[in-house]
Amino acid sequence: QSQLKIINIYIKIIENQKLCAVELILIMEKL
């Protein structure tokens, strides 16, 4: 549950349909 909490937060961020691939690079690096 502790790991899923973090994963779910990042999935919701990535689910934003206006997110661009360049921003995704930084997000995946943070995760």
Full PDB file with SEQRES, HELIX, SHEET, SSBOND, CRYST1, ORIGX, SCALE, CONECT and MASTER records, all heavy atoms in Angstrom:
SEQRES   1 A   31  GLN SER GLN LEU LYS ILE ILE ASN ILE TYR ILE LYS ILE          
SEQRES   2 A   31  ILE GLU ASN GLN LYS LEU CYS ALA VAL GLU LEU ILE LEU          
SEQRES   3 A   31  ILE MET GLU LYS LEU                                          
HELIX    1 AA1 SER A    2  ILE A   14  1                                  13    
HELIX    2 AA2 ALA A   21  LYS A   30  1                                  10    
CRYST1    1.000    1.000    1.000  90.00  90.00  90.00 P 1           1          
ORIGX1      1.000000  0.000000  0.000000        0.00000                         
ORIGX2      0.000000  1.000000  0.000000        0.00000                         
ORIGX3      0.000000  0.000000  1.000000        0.00000                         
SCALE1      1.000000  0.000000  0.000000        0.00000                         
SCALE2      0.000000  1.000000  0.000000        0.00000                         
SCALE3      0.000000  0.000000  1.000000        0.00000                         
ATOM      1  N   GLN A   1       0.828  -1.208   0.000  1.00  0.00           N  
ATOM      2  CA  GLN A   1       0.000   0.000   0.000  1.00  0.00           C  
ATOM      3  C   GLN A   1       0.859   1.254   0.000  1.00  0.00           C  
ATOM      4  O   GLN A   1       0.555   2.238  -0.684  1.00  0.00           O  
ATOM      5  CB  GLN A   1      -0.914   0.002   1.225  1.00  0.00           C  
ATOM      6  CG  GLN A   1      -1.863   1.190   1.256  1.00  0.00           C  
ATOM      7  CD  GLN A   1      -2.324   1.537   2.656  1.00  0.00           C  
ATOM      8  OE1 GLN A   1      -1.605   1.289   3.630  1.00  0.00           O  
ATOM      9  NE2 GLN A   1      -3.499   2.124   2.774  1.00  0.00           N  
ATOM     10  N   SER A   2       1.969   1.223   0.730  1.00  0.00           N  
ATOM     11  CA  SER A   2       2.880   2.370   0.782  1.00  0.00           C  
ATOM     12  C   SER A   2       3.467   2.669  -0.598  1.00  0.00           C  
ATOM     13  O   SER A   2       3.602   3.838  -0.983  1.00  0.00           O  
ATOM     14  CB  SER A   2       4.000   2.093   1.786  1.00  0.00           C  
ATOM     15  OG  SER A   2       4.947   3.130   1.791  1.00  0.00           O  
ATOM     16  N   GLN A   3       3.807   1.629  -1.360  1.00  0.00           N  
ATOM     17  CA  GLN A   3       4.379   1.827  -2.696  1.00  0.00           C  
ATOM     18  C   GLN A   3       3.305   2.276  -3.696  1.00  0.00           C  
ATOM     19  O   GLN A   3       3.558   3.131  -4.551  1.00  0.00           O  
ATOM     20  CB  GLN A   3       5.041   0.530  -3.194  1.00  0.00           C  
ATOM     21  CG  GLN A   3       5.949  -0.159  -2.184  1.00  0.00           C  
ATOM     22  CD  GLN A   3       6.908   0.803  -1.498  1.00  0.00           C  
ATOM     23  OE1 GLN A   3       7.507   1.672  -2.130  1.00  0.00           O  
ATOM     24  NE2 GLN A   3       7.046   0.659  -0.187  1.00  0.00           N  
ATOM     25  N   LEU A   4       2.107   1.704  -3.552  1.00  0.00           N  
ATOM     26  CA  LEU A   4       1.020   2.065  -4.461  1.00  0.00           C  
ATOM     27  C   LEU A   4       0.608   3.523  -4.297  1.00  0.00           C  
ATOM     28  O   LEU A   4       0.187   4.164  -5.263  1.00  0.00           O  
ATOM     29  CB  LEU A   4      -0.195   1.164  -4.205  1.00  0.00           C  
ATOM     30  CG  LEU A   4      -0.115  -0.249  -4.779  1.00  0.00           C  
ATOM     31  CD1 LEU A   4      -1.235  -1.105  -4.211  1.00  0.00           C  
ATOM     32  CD2 LEU A   4      -0.182  -0.231  -6.297  1.00  0.00           C  
ATOM     33  N   LYS A   5       0.736   4.044  -3.104  1.00  0.00           N  
ATOM     34  CA  LYS A   5       0.366   5.437  -2.859  1.00  0.00           C  
ATOM     35  C   LYS A   5       1.202   6.375  -3.734  1.00  0.00           C  
ATOM     36  O   LYS A   5       0.674   7.310  -4.352  1.00  0.00           O  
ATOM     37  CB  LYS A   5       0.552   5.773  -1.385  1.00  0.00           C  
ATOM     38  CG  LYS A   5       0.056   7.151  -1.004  1.00  0.00           C  
ATOM     39  CD  LYS A   5       0.164   7.370   0.495  1.00  0.00           C  
ATOM     40  CE  LYS A   5      -0.394   8.744   0.873  1.00  0.00           C  
ATOM     41  NZ  LYS A   5      -0.318   8.978   2.341  1.00  0.00           N  
ATOM     42  N   ILE A   6       2.505   6.113  -3.807  1.00  0.00           N  
ATOM     43  CA  ILE A   6       3.394   6.942  -4.635  1.00  0.00           C  
ATOM     44  C   ILE A   6       3.091   6.727  -6.113  1.00  0.00           C  
ATOM     45  O   ILE A   6       2.988   7.682  -6.895  1.00  0.00           O  
ATOM     46  CB  ILE A   6       4.869   6.594  -4.353  1.00  0.00           C  
ATOM     47  CG1 ILE A   6       5.208   6.876  -2.892  1.00  0.00           C  
ATOM     48  CG2 ILE A   6       5.796   7.393  -5.271  1.00  0.00           C  
ATOM     49  CD1 ILE A   6       6.569   6.406  -2.474  1.00  0.00           C  
ATOM     50  N   ILE A   7       2.942   5.463  -6.498  1.00  0.00           N  
ATOM     51  CA  ILE A   7       2.684   5.143  -7.901  1.00  0.00           C  
ATOM     52  C   ILE A   7       1.392   5.795  -8.372  1.00  0.00           C  
ATOM     53  O   ILE A   7       1.324   6.365  -9.477  1.00  0.00           O  
ATOM     54  CB  ILE A   7       2.619   3.617  -8.099  1.00  0.00           C  
ATOM     55  CG1 ILE A   7       3.990   2.972  -7.834  1.00  0.00           C  
ATOM     56  CG2 ILE A   7       2.129   3.281  -9.501  1.00  0.00           C  
ATOM     57  CD1 ILE A   7       5.079   3.407  -8.778  1.00  0.00           C  
ATOM     58  N   ASN A   8       0.355   5.754  -7.550  1.00  0.00           N  
ATOM     59  CA  ASN A   8      -0.926   6.345  -7.931  1.00  0.00           C  
ATOM     60  C   ASN A   8      -0.826   7.848  -8.124  1.00  0.00           C  
ATOM     61  O   ASN A   8      -1.468   8.419  -9.007  1.00  0.00           O  
ATOM     62  CB  ASN A   8      -1.985   6.028  -6.870  1.00  0.00           C  
ATOM     63  CG  ASN A   8      -2.558   4.633  -7.036  1.00  0.00           C  
ATOM     64  OD1 ASN A   8      -1.995   3.800  -7.726  1.00  0.00           O  
ATOM     65  ND2 ASN A   8      -3.685   4.381  -6.403  1.00  0.00           N  
ATOM     66  N   ILE A   9      -0.025   8.500  -7.293  1.00  0.00           N  
ATOM     67  CA  ILE A   9       0.166   9.951  -7.427  1.00  0.00           C  
ATOM     68  C   ILE A   9       0.776  10.272  -8.791  1.00  0.00           C  
ATOM     69  O   ILE A   9       0.320  11.190  -9.488  1.00  0.00           O  
ATOM     70  CB  ILE A   9       1.069  10.487  -6.298  1.00  0.00           C  
ATOM     71  CG1 ILE A   9       0.327  10.425  -4.955  1.00  0.00           C  
ATOM     72  CG2 ILE A   9       1.515  11.922  -6.589  1.00  0.00           C  
ATOM     73  CD1 ILE A   9       1.190  10.754  -3.759  1.00  0.00           C  
ATOM     74  N   TYR A  10       1.776   9.502  -9.192  1.00  0.00           N  
ATOM     75  CA  TYR A  10       2.438   9.765 -10.474  1.00  0.00           C  
ATOM     76  C   TYR A  10       1.563   9.370 -11.663  1.00  0.00           C  
ATOM     77  O   TYR A  10       1.599  10.033 -12.706  1.00  0.00           O  
ATOM     78  CB  TYR A  10       3.785   9.032 -10.519  1.00  0.00           C  
ATOM     79  CG  TYR A  10       4.880   9.813  -9.844  1.00  0.00           C  
ATOM     80  CD1 TYR A  10       5.113   9.687  -8.476  1.00  0.00           C  
ATOM     81  CD2 TYR A  10       5.675  10.702 -10.550  1.00  0.00           C  
ATOM     82  CE1 TYR A  10       6.106  10.415  -7.840  1.00  0.00           C  
ATOM     83  CE2 TYR A  10       6.672  11.436  -9.940  1.00  0.00           C  
ATOM     84  CZ  TYR A  10       6.881  11.293  -8.582  1.00  0.00           C  
ATOM     85  OH  TYR A  10       7.861  12.038  -7.955  1.00  0.00           O  
ATOM     86  N   ILE A  11       0.760   8.322 -11.515  1.00  0.00           N  
ATOM     87  CA  ILE A  11      -0.146   7.949 -12.603  1.00  0.00           C  
ATOM     88  C   ILE A  11      -1.159   9.061 -12.842  1.00  0.00           C  
ATOM     89  O   ILE A  11      -1.472   9.413 -13.984  1.00  0.00           O  
ATOM     90  CB  ILE A  11      -0.855   6.617 -12.288  1.00  0.00           C  
ATOM     91  CG1 ILE A  11       0.125   5.455 -12.425  1.00  0.00           C  
ATOM     92  CG2 ILE A  11      -2.042   6.403 -13.226  1.00  0.00           C  
ATOM     93  CD1 ILE A  11      -0.472   4.100 -12.098  1.00  0.00           C  
ATOM     94  N   LYS A  12      -1.674   9.652 -11.766  1.00  0.00           N  
ATOM     95  CA  LYS A  12      -2.644  10.748 -11.906  1.00  0.00           C  
ATOM     96  C   LYS A  12      -2.011  11.964 -12.576  1.00  0.00           C  
ATOM     97  O   LYS A  12      -2.668  12.669 -13.345  1.00  0.00           O  
ATOM     98  CB  LYS A  12      -3.202  11.125 -10.531  1.00  0.00           C  
ATOM     99  CG  LYS A  12      -4.146  10.085  -9.952  1.00  0.00           C  
ATOM    100  CD  LYS A  12      -4.649  10.488  -8.578  1.00  0.00           C  
ATOM    101  CE  LYS A  12      -5.597   9.437  -8.015  1.00  0.00           C  
ATOM    102  NZ  LYS A  12      -6.077   9.788  -6.657  1.00  0.00           N  
ATOM    103  N   ILE A  13      -0.737  12.211 -12.279  1.00  0.00           N  
ATOM    104  CA  ILE A  13      -0.037  13.327 -12.932  1.00  0.00           C  
ATOM    105  C   ILE A  13       0.105  13.051 -14.429  1.00  0.00           C  
ATOM    106  O   ILE A  13      -0.155  13.926 -15.274  1.00  0.00           O  
ATOM    107  CB  ILE A  13       1.352  13.547 -12.294  1.00  0.00           C  
ATOM    108  CG1 ILE A  13       1.204  14.014 -10.839  1.00  0.00           C  
ATOM    109  CG2 ILE A  13       2.154  14.567 -13.102  1.00  0.00           C  
ATOM    110  CD1 ILE A  13       2.521  14.084 -10.081  1.00  0.00           C  
ATOM    111  N   ILE A  14       0.493  11.820 -14.760  1.00  0.00           N  
ATOM    112  CA  ILE A  14       0.710  11.455 -16.164  1.00  0.00           C  
ATOM    113  C   ILE A  14      -0.616  11.386 -16.920  1.00  0.00           C  
ATOM    114  O   ILE A  14      -0.657  11.618 -18.137  1.00  0.00           O  
ATOM    115  CB  ILE A  14       1.465  10.113 -16.246  1.00  0.00           C  
ATOM    116  CG1 ILE A  14       2.872  10.274 -15.662  1.00  0.00           C  
ATOM    117  CG2 ILE A  14       1.557   9.607 -17.681  1.00  0.00           C  
ATOM    118  CD1 ILE A  14       3.635   8.986 -15.529  1.00  0.00           C  
ATOM    119  N   GLU A  15      -1.707  11.105 -16.216  1.00  0.00           N  
ATOM    120  CA  GLU A  15      -3.015  11.019 -16.866  1.00  0.00           C  
ATOM    121  C   GLU A  15      -3.508  12.369 -17.380  1.00  0.00           C  
ATOM    122  O   GLU A  15      -4.476  12.421 -18.137  1.00  0.00           O  
ATOM    123  CB  GLU A  15      -4.054  10.455 -15.897  1.00  0.00           C  
ATOM    124  CG  GLU A  15      -4.050   8.940 -15.826  1.00  0.00           C  
ATOM    125  CD  GLU A  15      -5.157   8.436 -14.932  1.00  0.00           C  
ATOM    126  OE1 GLU A  15      -5.478   9.076 -13.914  1.00  0.00           O  
ATOM    127  OE2 GLU A  15      -5.723   7.383 -15.249  1.00  0.00           O  
ATOM    128  N   ASN A  16      -2.879  13.447 -16.977  1.00  0.00           N  
ATOM    129  CA  ASN A  16      -3.249  14.772 -17.483  1.00  0.00           C  
ATOM    130  C   ASN A  16      -3.033  14.788 -18.992  1.00  0.00           C  
ATOM    131  O   ASN A  16      -1.908  14.652 -19.467  1.00  0.00           O  
ATOM    132  CB  ASN A  16      -2.402  15.846 -16.804  1.00  0.00           C  
ATOM    133  CG  ASN A  16      -2.784  17.256 -17.223  1.00  0.00           C  
ATOM    134  OD1 ASN A  16      -3.568  17.454 -18.151  1.00  0.00           O  
ATOM    135  ND2 ASN A  16      -2.235  18.227 -16.553  1.00  0.00           N  
ATOM    136  N   GLN A  17      -4.117  14.962 -19.757  1.00  0.00           N  
ATOM    137  CA  GLN A  17      -4.010  14.847 -21.208  1.00  0.00           C  
ATOM    138  C   GLN A  17      -3.253  16.006 -21.852  1.00  0.00           C  
ATOM    139  O   GLN A  17      -2.945  15.961 -23.039  1.00  0.00           O  
ATOM    140  CB  GLN A  17      -5.398  14.718 -21.832  1.00  0.00           C  
ATOM    141  CG  GLN A  17      -6.334  15.861 -21.544  1.00  0.00           C  
ATOM    142  CD  GLN A  17      -7.656  15.705 -22.273  1.00  0.00           C  
ATOM    143  OE1 GLN A  17      -7.764  14.933 -23.226  1.00  0.00           O  
ATOM    144  NE2 GLN A  17      -8.658  16.433 -21.854  1.00  0.00           N  
ATOM    145  N   LYS A  18      -2.932  17.044 -21.074  1.00  0.00           N  
ATOM    146  CA  LYS A  18      -2.153  18.152 -21.615  1.00  0.00           C  
ATOM    147  C   LYS A  18      -0.662  18.024 -21.301  1.00  0.00           C  
ATOM    148  O   LYS A  18       0.132  18.877 -21.684  1.00  0.00           O  
ATOM    149  CB  LYS A  18      -2.689  19.482 -21.093  1.00  0.00           C  
ATOM    150  CG  LYS A  18      -4.057  19.848 -21.665  1.00  0.00           C  
ATOM    151  CD  LYS A  18      -4.361  21.312 -21.517  1.00  0.00           C  
ATOM    152  CE  LYS A  18      -5.605  21.697 -22.279  1.00  0.00           C  
ATOM    153  NZ  LYS A  18      -5.877  23.151 -22.235  1.00  0.00           N  
ATOM    154  N   LEU A  19      -0.292  16.972 -20.586  1.00  0.00           N  
ATOM    155  CA  LEU A  19       1.123  16.737 -20.297  1.00  0.00           C  
ATOM    156  C   LEU A  19       1.870  16.417 -21.585  1.00  0.00           C  
ATOM    157  O   LEU A  19       1.394  15.636 -22.412  1.00  0.00           O  
ATOM    158  CB  LEU A  19       1.259  15.574 -19.313  1.00  0.00           C  
ATOM    159  CG  LEU A  19       2.673  15.270 -18.822  1.00  0.00           C  
ATOM    160  CD1 LEU A  19       3.065  16.257 -17.735  1.00  0.00           C  
ATOM    161  CD2 LEU A  19       2.751  13.841 -18.291  1.00  0.00           C  
ATOM    162  N   CYS A  20       3.041  17.021 -21.783  1.00  0.00           N  
ATOM    163  CA  CYS A  20       3.833  16.736 -22.985  1.00  0.00           C  
ATOM    164  C   CYS A  20       4.976  15.780 -22.656  1.00  0.00           C  
ATOM    165  O   CYS A  20       5.344  15.600 -21.494  1.00  0.00           O  
ATOM    166  CB  CYS A  20       4.363  18.027 -23.609  1.00  0.00           C  
ATOM    167  SG  CYS A  20       5.677  18.845 -22.682  1.00  0.00           S  
ATOM    168  N   ALA A  21       5.525  15.161 -23.688  1.00  0.00           N  
ATOM    169  CA  ALA A  21       6.557  14.142 -23.514  1.00  0.00           C  
ATOM    170  C   ALA A  21       7.814  14.708 -22.858  1.00  0.00           C  
ATOM    171  O   ALA A  21       8.518  14.005 -22.137  1.00  0.00           O  
ATOM    172  CB  ALA A  21       6.908  13.521 -24.866  1.00  0.00           C  
ATOM    173  N   VAL A  22       8.099  15.987 -23.094  1.00  0.00           N  
ATOM    174  CA  VAL A  22       9.284  16.608 -22.497  1.00  0.00           C  
ATOM    175  C   VAL A  22       9.112  16.726 -20.983  1.00  0.00           C  
ATOM    176  O   VAL A  22      10.040  16.465 -20.211  1.00  0.00           O  
ATOM    177  CB  VAL A  22       9.527  17.998 -23.123  1.00  0.00           C  
ATOM    178  CG1 VAL A  22      10.726  18.666 -22.479  1.00  0.00           C  
ATOM    179  CG2 VAL A  22       9.732  17.870 -24.626  1.00  0.00           C  
ATOM    180  N   GLU A  23       7.916  17.110 -20.539  1.00  0.00           N  
ATOM    181  CA  GLU A  23       7.638  17.167 -19.100  1.00  0.00           C  
ATOM    182  C   GLU A  23       7.687  15.774 -18.491  1.00  0.00           C  
ATOM    183  O   GLU A  23       8.094  15.603 -17.342  1.00  0.00           O  
ATOM    184  CB  GLU A  23       6.264  17.780 -18.851  1.00  0.00           C  
ATOM    185  CG  GLU A  23       6.149  19.247 -19.235  1.00  0.00           C  
ATOM    186  CD  GLU A  23       4.736  19.767 -19.110  1.00  0.00           C  
ATOM    187  OE1 GLU A  23       3.871  19.323 -19.888  1.00  0.00           O  
ATOM    188  OE2 GLU A  23       4.498  20.617 -18.230  1.00  0.00           O  
ATOM    189  N   LEU A  24       7.257  14.771 -19.275  1.00  0.00           N  
ATOM    190  CA  LEU A  24       7.241  13.398 -18.783  1.00  0.00           C  
ATOM    191  C   LEU A  24       8.644  12.906 -18.440  1.00  0.00           C  
ATOM    192  O   LEU A  24       8.824  12.134 -17.492  1.00  0.00           O  
ATOM    193  CB  LEU A  24       6.610  12.487 -19.828  1.00  0.00           C  
ATOM    194  CG  LEU A  24       6.459  11.019 -19.431  1.00  0.00           C  
ATOM    195  CD1 LEU A  24       5.509  10.867 -18.264  1.00  0.00           C  
ATOM    196  CD2 LEU A  24       5.980  10.193 -20.617  1.00  0.00           C  
ATOM    197  N   ILE A  25       9.628  13.351 -19.192  1.00  0.00           N  
ATOM    198  CA  ILE A  25      11.014  12.947 -18.914  1.00  0.00           C  
ATOM    199  C   ILE A  25      11.397  13.325 -17.489  1.00  0.00           C  
ATOM    200  O   ILE A  25      11.947  12.514 -16.723  1.00  0.00           O  
ATOM    201  CB  ILE A  25      11.978  13.603 -19.919  1.00  0.00           C  
ATOM    202  CG1 ILE A  25      11.735  13.047 -21.319  1.00  0.00           C  
ATOM    203  CG2 ILE A  25      13.425  13.394 -19.510  1.00  0.00           C  
ATOM    204  CD1 ILE A  25      12.557  13.701 -22.396  1.00  0.00           C  
ATOM    205  N   LEU A  26      11.088  14.558 -17.105  1.00  0.00           N  
ATOM    206  CA  LEU A  26      11.428  15.023 -15.761  1.00  0.00           C  
ATOM    207  C   LEU A  26      10.631  14.273 -14.700  1.00  0.00           C  
ATOM    208  O   LEU A  26      11.152  13.959 -13.620  1.00  0.00           O  
ATOM    209  CB  LEU A  26      11.163  16.529 -15.652  1.00  0.00           C  
ATOM    210  CG  LEU A  26      11.901  17.423 -16.659  1.00  0.00           C  
ATOM    211  CD1 LEU A  26      11.507  18.882 -16.465  1.00  0.00           C  
ATOM    212  CD2 LEU A  26      13.412  17.257 -16.516  1.00  0.00           C  
ATOM    213  N   ILE A  27       9.369  13.976 -14.991  1.00  0.00           N  
ATOM    214  CA  ILE A  27       8.519  13.265 -14.031  1.00  0.00           C  
ATOM    215  C   ILE A  27       9.023  11.847 -13.807  1.00  0.00           C  
ATOM    216  O   ILE A  27       9.105  11.372 -12.666  1.00  0.00           O  
ATOM    217  CB  ILE A  27       7.060  13.246 -14.534  1.00  0.00           C  
ATOM    218  CG1 ILE A  27       6.480  14.659 -14.485  1.00  0.00           C  
ATOM    219  CG2 ILE A  27       6.205  12.291 -13.721  1.00  0.00           C  
ATOM    220  CD1 ILE A  27       5.138  14.794 -15.158  1.00  0.00           C  
ATOM    221  N   MET A  28       9.375  11.156 -14.889  1.00  0.00           N  
ATOM    222  CA  MET A  28       9.881   9.785 -14.752  1.00  0.00           C  
ATOM    223  C   MET A  28      11.219   9.747 -14.034  1.00  0.00           C  
ATOM    224  O   MET A  28      11.505   8.811 -13.273  1.00  0.00           O  
ATOM    225  CB  MET A  28       9.994   9.142 -16.136  1.00  0.00           C  
ATOM    226  CG  MET A  28       8.665   8.982 -16.863  1.00  0.00           C  
ATOM    227  SD  MET A  28       7.492   7.950 -15.971  1.00  0.00           S  
ATOM    228  CE  MET A  28       8.235   6.341 -16.160  1.00  0.00           C  
ATOM    229  N   GLU A  29      12.031  10.765 -14.251  1.00  0.00           N  
ATOM    230  CA  GLU A  29      13.302  10.844 -13.532  1.00  0.00           C  
ATOM    231  C   GLU A  29      13.079  11.009 -12.029  1.00  0.00           C  
ATOM    232  O   GLU A  29      13.764  10.390 -11.210  1.00  0.00           O  
ATOM    233  CB  GLU A  29      14.137  12.011 -14.072  1.00  0.00           C  
ATOM    234  CG  GLU A  29      14.731  11.755 -15.452  1.00  0.00           C  
ATOM    235  CD  GLU A  29      15.481  12.960 -15.983  1.00  0.00           C  
ATOM    236  OE1 GLU A  29      15.439  14.031 -15.324  1.00  0.00           O  
ATOM    237  OE2 GLU A  29      16.102  12.856 -17.064  1.00  0.00           O  
ATOM    238  N   LYS A  30      12.104  11.839 -11.659  1.00  0.00           N  
ATOM    239  CA  LYS A  30      11.793  12.036 -10.238  1.00  0.00           C  
ATOM    240  C   LYS A  30      11.274  10.749  -9.604  1.00  0.00           C  
ATOM    241  O   LYS A  30      11.649  10.404  -8.488  1.00  0.00           O  
ATOM    242  CB  LYS A  30      10.750  13.146 -10.086  1.00  0.00           C  
ATOM    243  CG  LYS A  30      11.279  14.544 -10.337  1.00  0.00           C  
ATOM    244  CD  LYS A  30      10.178  15.578 -10.137  1.00  0.00           C  
ATOM    245  CE  LYS A  30      10.692  16.991 -10.427  1.00  0.00           C  
ATOM    246  NZ  LYS A  30       9.596  18.001 -10.270  1.00  0.00           N  
ATOM    247  N   LEU A  31      10.389  10.036 -10.317  1.00  0.00           N  
ATOM    248  CA  LEU A  31       9.843   8.788  -9.789  1.00  0.00           C  
ATOM    249  C   LEU A  31      10.939   7.748  -9.588  1.00  0.00           C  
ATOM    250  O   LEU A  31      11.013   7.104  -8.530  1.00  0.00           O  
ATOM    251  CB  LEU A  31       8.772   8.249 -10.742  1.00  0.00           C  
ATOM    252  CG  LEU A  31       8.215   6.861 -10.405  1.00  0.00           C  
ATOM    253  CD1 LEU A  31       7.573   6.862  -9.022  1.00  0.00           C  
ATOM    254  CD2 LEU A  31       7.223   6.405 -11.466  1.00  0.00           C  
TER     255      LEU A  31                                                      
MASTER        0    0    0    2    0    0    0    6  254    1    0    3          
END                                                                             
